N, C-alpha and C. Protein backbone atom coordinates (compact mmCIF):
# COMPACT_ATOMS: atom_id res chain seq x y z
N MET A 1 -233.77 88.08 58.64
CA MET A 1 -232.36 87.98 58.96
C MET A 1 -231.94 89.20 59.81
N THR A 2 -231.24 88.90 60.87
CA THR A 2 -230.76 90.01 61.70
C THR A 2 -229.62 90.70 61.02
N ASP A 3 -229.25 91.89 61.52
CA ASP A 3 -228.10 92.60 60.94
C ASP A 3 -226.83 91.79 61.04
N LYS A 4 -226.66 91.13 62.17
CA LYS A 4 -225.49 90.29 62.38
C LYS A 4 -225.45 89.12 61.35
N GLN A 5 -226.61 88.52 61.10
CA GLN A 5 -226.68 87.46 60.09
C GLN A 5 -226.43 87.97 58.67
N LYS A 6 -226.91 89.19 58.40
CA LYS A 6 -226.66 89.78 57.07
C LYS A 6 -225.17 90.01 56.88
N LYS A 7 -224.53 90.50 57.91
CA LYS A 7 -223.08 90.72 57.85
C LYS A 7 -222.34 89.40 57.60
N LEU A 8 -222.75 88.35 58.33
CA LEU A 8 -222.10 87.03 58.17
C LEU A 8 -222.35 86.51 56.76
N TYR A 9 -223.55 86.64 56.26
CA TYR A 9 -223.88 86.14 54.90
C TYR A 9 -223.01 86.84 53.86
N LYS A 10 -222.88 88.13 53.99
CA LYS A 10 -222.04 88.91 53.06
C LYS A 10 -220.56 88.48 53.19
N ALA A 11 -220.12 88.26 54.40
CA ALA A 11 -218.73 87.81 54.65
C ALA A 11 -218.48 86.48 53.97
N ILE A 12 -219.40 85.53 54.14
CA ILE A 12 -219.29 84.21 53.53
C ILE A 12 -219.25 84.35 52.00
N ASP A 13 -220.11 85.17 51.43
CA ASP A 13 -220.12 85.42 49.98
C ASP A 13 -218.77 85.95 49.52
N GLU A 14 -218.21 86.88 50.25
CA GLU A 14 -216.93 87.45 49.89
C GLU A 14 -215.78 86.44 50.00
N ILE A 15 -215.83 85.59 51.05
CA ILE A 15 -214.81 84.58 51.21
C ILE A 15 -214.86 83.58 50.08
N LEU A 16 -216.05 83.15 49.70
CA LEU A 16 -216.19 82.20 48.60
C LEU A 16 -215.63 82.80 47.33
N TRP A 17 -215.90 84.09 47.05
CA TRP A 17 -215.46 84.73 45.82
C TRP A 17 -213.97 85.04 45.86
N LYS A 18 -213.48 85.65 46.92
CA LYS A 18 -212.13 86.13 46.95
C LYS A 18 -211.12 85.04 47.32
N ASP A 19 -211.51 84.19 48.24
CA ASP A 19 -210.52 83.23 48.80
C ASP A 19 -210.68 81.77 48.30
N TRP A 20 -211.89 81.34 48.22
CA TRP A 20 -212.14 79.97 47.77
C TRP A 20 -211.87 79.82 46.30
N ASP A 21 -212.69 80.46 45.46
CA ASP A 21 -212.47 80.58 44.02
C ASP A 21 -211.84 79.34 43.37
N PRO A 22 -212.50 78.18 43.44
CA PRO A 22 -211.86 76.94 42.92
C PRO A 22 -211.63 76.93 41.41
N ILE A 23 -212.39 77.72 40.65
CA ILE A 23 -212.17 77.71 39.20
C ILE A 23 -211.33 78.90 38.71
N GLY A 24 -210.90 79.73 39.65
CA GLY A 24 -210.01 80.83 39.30
C GLY A 24 -210.57 81.93 38.44
N VAL A 25 -211.75 82.42 38.81
CA VAL A 25 -212.38 83.45 37.99
C VAL A 25 -212.57 84.76 38.76
N ASN A 26 -212.09 84.86 39.94
CA ASN A 26 -212.41 86.04 40.76
C ASN A 26 -211.79 87.36 40.27
N ASP A 27 -211.03 87.30 39.19
CA ASP A 27 -210.50 88.51 38.60
C ASP A 27 -211.39 88.99 37.45
N ILE A 28 -212.50 88.32 37.22
CA ILE A 28 -213.43 88.70 36.16
C ILE A 28 -214.75 89.16 36.82
N GLU A 29 -214.91 90.43 36.97
CA GLU A 29 -216.07 91.00 37.70
C GLU A 29 -217.40 90.61 37.05
N ASP A 30 -217.42 90.36 35.77
CA ASP A 30 -218.66 89.95 35.09
C ASP A 30 -219.26 88.68 35.59
N VAL A 31 -218.46 87.84 36.24
CA VAL A 31 -218.94 86.54 36.73
C VAL A 31 -218.99 86.52 38.24
N ARG A 32 -219.13 87.71 38.85
CA ARG A 32 -219.10 87.87 40.31
C ARG A 32 -220.09 86.96 41.01
N ASP A 33 -221.15 86.56 40.33
CA ASP A 33 -222.20 85.73 40.95
C ASP A 33 -221.90 84.22 40.84
N GLU A 34 -220.68 83.86 40.38
CA GLU A 34 -220.35 82.46 40.07
C GLU A 34 -220.59 81.57 41.30
N TYR A 35 -220.25 81.98 42.52
CA TYR A 35 -220.37 81.13 43.67
C TYR A 35 -221.50 81.50 44.59
N GLN A 36 -222.29 82.48 44.23
CA GLN A 36 -223.36 82.95 45.10
C GLN A 36 -224.45 81.90 45.30
N GLY A 37 -224.59 80.96 44.41
CA GLY A 37 -225.52 79.91 44.59
C GLY A 37 -225.20 78.96 45.73
N TYR A 38 -223.93 78.98 46.14
CA TYR A 38 -223.44 78.13 47.25
C TYR A 38 -223.51 78.83 48.62
N THR A 39 -223.62 80.15 48.56
CA THR A 39 -223.63 80.93 49.79
C THR A 39 -224.75 80.57 50.77
N PRO A 40 -225.99 80.39 50.31
CA PRO A 40 -227.07 80.12 51.31
C PRO A 40 -226.82 78.86 52.10
N HIS A 41 -226.34 77.79 51.48
CA HIS A 41 -226.12 76.54 52.21
C HIS A 41 -224.94 76.63 53.17
N ILE A 42 -223.86 77.27 52.74
CA ILE A 42 -222.73 77.47 53.60
C ILE A 42 -223.14 78.35 54.81
N PHE A 43 -223.93 79.37 54.53
CA PHE A 43 -224.46 80.22 55.59
C PHE A 43 -225.27 79.42 56.56
N SER A 44 -226.16 78.62 56.06
CA SER A 44 -227.02 77.78 56.92
C SER A 44 -226.18 76.84 57.77
N LEU A 45 -225.22 76.18 57.17
CA LEU A 45 -224.31 75.29 57.94
C LEU A 45 -223.68 76.09 59.07
N THR A 46 -223.20 77.27 58.76
CA THR A 46 -222.50 78.08 59.71
C THR A 46 -223.33 78.53 60.89
N ILE A 47 -224.55 79.04 60.60
CA ILE A 47 -225.40 79.54 61.66
C ILE A 47 -226.00 78.44 62.50
N HIS A 48 -226.01 77.21 61.94
CA HIS A 48 -226.57 76.08 62.68
C HIS A 48 -225.48 75.30 63.40
N GLY A 49 -224.30 75.91 63.52
CA GLY A 49 -223.25 75.35 64.37
C GLY A 49 -222.32 74.32 63.74
N SER A 50 -222.35 74.22 62.43
CA SER A 50 -221.39 73.25 61.81
C SER A 50 -219.95 73.70 62.07
N ASP A 51 -219.11 72.75 62.33
CA ASP A 51 -217.71 73.05 62.55
C ASP A 51 -216.99 73.21 61.21
N LYS A 52 -215.69 73.57 61.29
CA LYS A 52 -214.95 73.78 60.05
C LYS A 52 -214.77 72.51 59.25
N ILE A 53 -214.76 71.39 59.91
CA ILE A 53 -214.63 70.10 59.18
C ILE A 53 -215.89 69.87 58.28
N LYS A 54 -217.04 70.07 58.85
CA LYS A 54 -218.28 69.86 58.08
C LYS A 54 -218.34 70.83 56.90
N ILE A 55 -218.00 72.09 57.18
CA ILE A 55 -218.07 73.12 56.11
C ILE A 55 -217.02 72.77 55.04
N ALA A 56 -215.81 72.38 55.44
CA ALA A 56 -214.77 72.03 54.49
C ALA A 56 -215.17 70.83 53.66
N GLU A 57 -215.84 69.87 54.25
CA GLU A 57 -216.31 68.70 53.53
C GLU A 57 -217.34 69.12 52.47
N HIS A 58 -218.20 70.06 52.81
CA HIS A 58 -219.19 70.52 51.85
C HIS A 58 -218.51 71.29 50.71
N LEU A 59 -217.55 72.14 51.00
CA LEU A 59 -216.84 72.86 49.94
C LEU A 59 -216.14 71.85 49.04
N PHE A 60 -215.52 70.85 49.61
CA PHE A 60 -214.81 69.83 48.84
C PHE A 60 -215.81 69.06 47.95
N GLU A 61 -216.95 68.78 48.49
CA GLU A 61 -218.00 68.10 47.67
C GLU A 61 -218.44 68.97 46.49
N ILE A 62 -218.56 70.25 46.72
CA ILE A 62 -218.92 71.16 45.63
C ILE A 62 -217.86 71.10 44.53
N GLU A 63 -216.61 71.17 44.96
CA GLU A 63 -215.50 71.11 44.00
C GLU A 63 -215.45 69.82 43.24
N THR A 64 -215.65 68.70 43.90
CA THR A 64 -215.47 67.42 43.26
C THR A 64 -216.74 66.91 42.54
N VAL A 65 -217.89 67.04 43.22
CA VAL A 65 -219.12 66.50 42.65
C VAL A 65 -219.78 67.51 41.73
N ASN A 66 -220.06 68.70 42.24
CA ASN A 66 -220.77 69.70 41.46
C ASN A 66 -219.91 70.23 40.29
N MET A 67 -218.68 70.49 40.55
CA MET A 67 -217.81 71.11 39.51
C MET A 67 -216.99 70.06 38.75
N GLY A 68 -216.91 68.87 39.25
CA GLY A 68 -216.19 67.81 38.55
C GLY A 68 -214.68 67.99 38.59
N MET A 69 -214.18 68.67 39.56
CA MET A 69 -212.74 68.94 39.72
C MET A 69 -212.12 67.92 40.67
N ASN A 70 -210.79 67.94 40.74
CA ASN A 70 -210.07 67.08 41.69
C ASN A 70 -210.35 67.54 43.14
N GLY A 71 -210.46 68.83 43.34
CA GLY A 71 -210.69 69.38 44.69
C GLY A 71 -209.38 69.54 45.44
N ASN A 72 -209.45 70.34 46.48
CA ASN A 72 -208.26 70.61 47.30
C ASN A 72 -208.73 70.64 48.76
N LYS A 73 -208.61 69.55 49.45
CA LYS A 73 -209.12 69.43 50.84
C LYS A 73 -208.45 70.43 51.78
N ILE A 74 -207.16 70.63 51.62
CA ILE A 74 -206.43 71.53 52.55
C ILE A 74 -206.91 72.97 52.34
N HIS A 75 -207.09 73.37 51.09
CA HIS A 75 -207.63 74.71 50.79
C HIS A 75 -209.03 74.86 51.35
N CYS A 76 -209.85 73.86 51.16
CA CYS A 76 -211.22 73.88 51.69
C CYS A 76 -211.25 74.05 53.20
N GLU A 77 -210.31 73.39 53.88
CA GLU A 77 -210.21 73.49 55.30
C GLU A 77 -209.85 74.89 55.74
N LYS A 78 -208.90 75.54 55.03
CA LYS A 78 -208.51 76.91 55.33
C LYS A 78 -209.67 77.87 55.12
N ILE A 79 -210.44 77.66 54.05
CA ILE A 79 -211.59 78.50 53.80
C ILE A 79 -212.62 78.31 54.88
N ALA A 80 -212.88 77.08 55.23
CA ALA A 80 -213.87 76.76 56.26
C ALA A 80 -213.46 77.42 57.61
N GLU A 81 -212.21 77.37 57.89
CA GLU A 81 -211.71 78.02 59.11
C GLU A 81 -211.93 79.51 59.12
N LYS A 82 -211.72 80.10 57.96
CA LYS A 82 -211.94 81.55 57.81
C LYS A 82 -213.40 81.85 57.98
N ILE A 83 -214.32 80.99 57.43
CA ILE A 83 -215.75 81.24 57.52
C ILE A 83 -216.19 81.14 59.00
N VAL A 84 -215.75 80.06 59.64
CA VAL A 84 -216.15 79.89 61.04
C VAL A 84 -215.59 81.03 61.92
N GLY A 85 -214.46 81.56 61.52
CA GLY A 85 -213.87 82.66 62.24
C GLY A 85 -214.67 83.98 62.12
N GLN A 86 -215.65 84.00 61.24
CA GLN A 86 -216.47 85.21 61.05
C GLN A 86 -217.58 85.30 62.12
N ILE A 87 -217.83 84.19 62.82
CA ILE A 87 -218.89 84.21 63.81
C ILE A 87 -218.41 85.00 65.01
N GLU A 88 -219.21 85.94 65.42
CA GLU A 88 -218.81 86.82 66.56
C GLU A 88 -219.51 86.36 67.83
């Protein structure tokens, strides 16, 4: 991984933790790794040119399928936009 990719990976991890946080646990440092399992795939989508719609759809799928929640498409779109915005 290049330095630029490492920086992007870390940024995505931070966005998932601080901004996405669908289950509302980002104030509990002991569970900091809660969303890190999703970071590699979101990173892959991002570096392979997926747009914010594709990334938002994946985040929404995680919320609804993996987590069994209702999900929030609008929030997922905002998070995806923030992720795509990290690409320099």
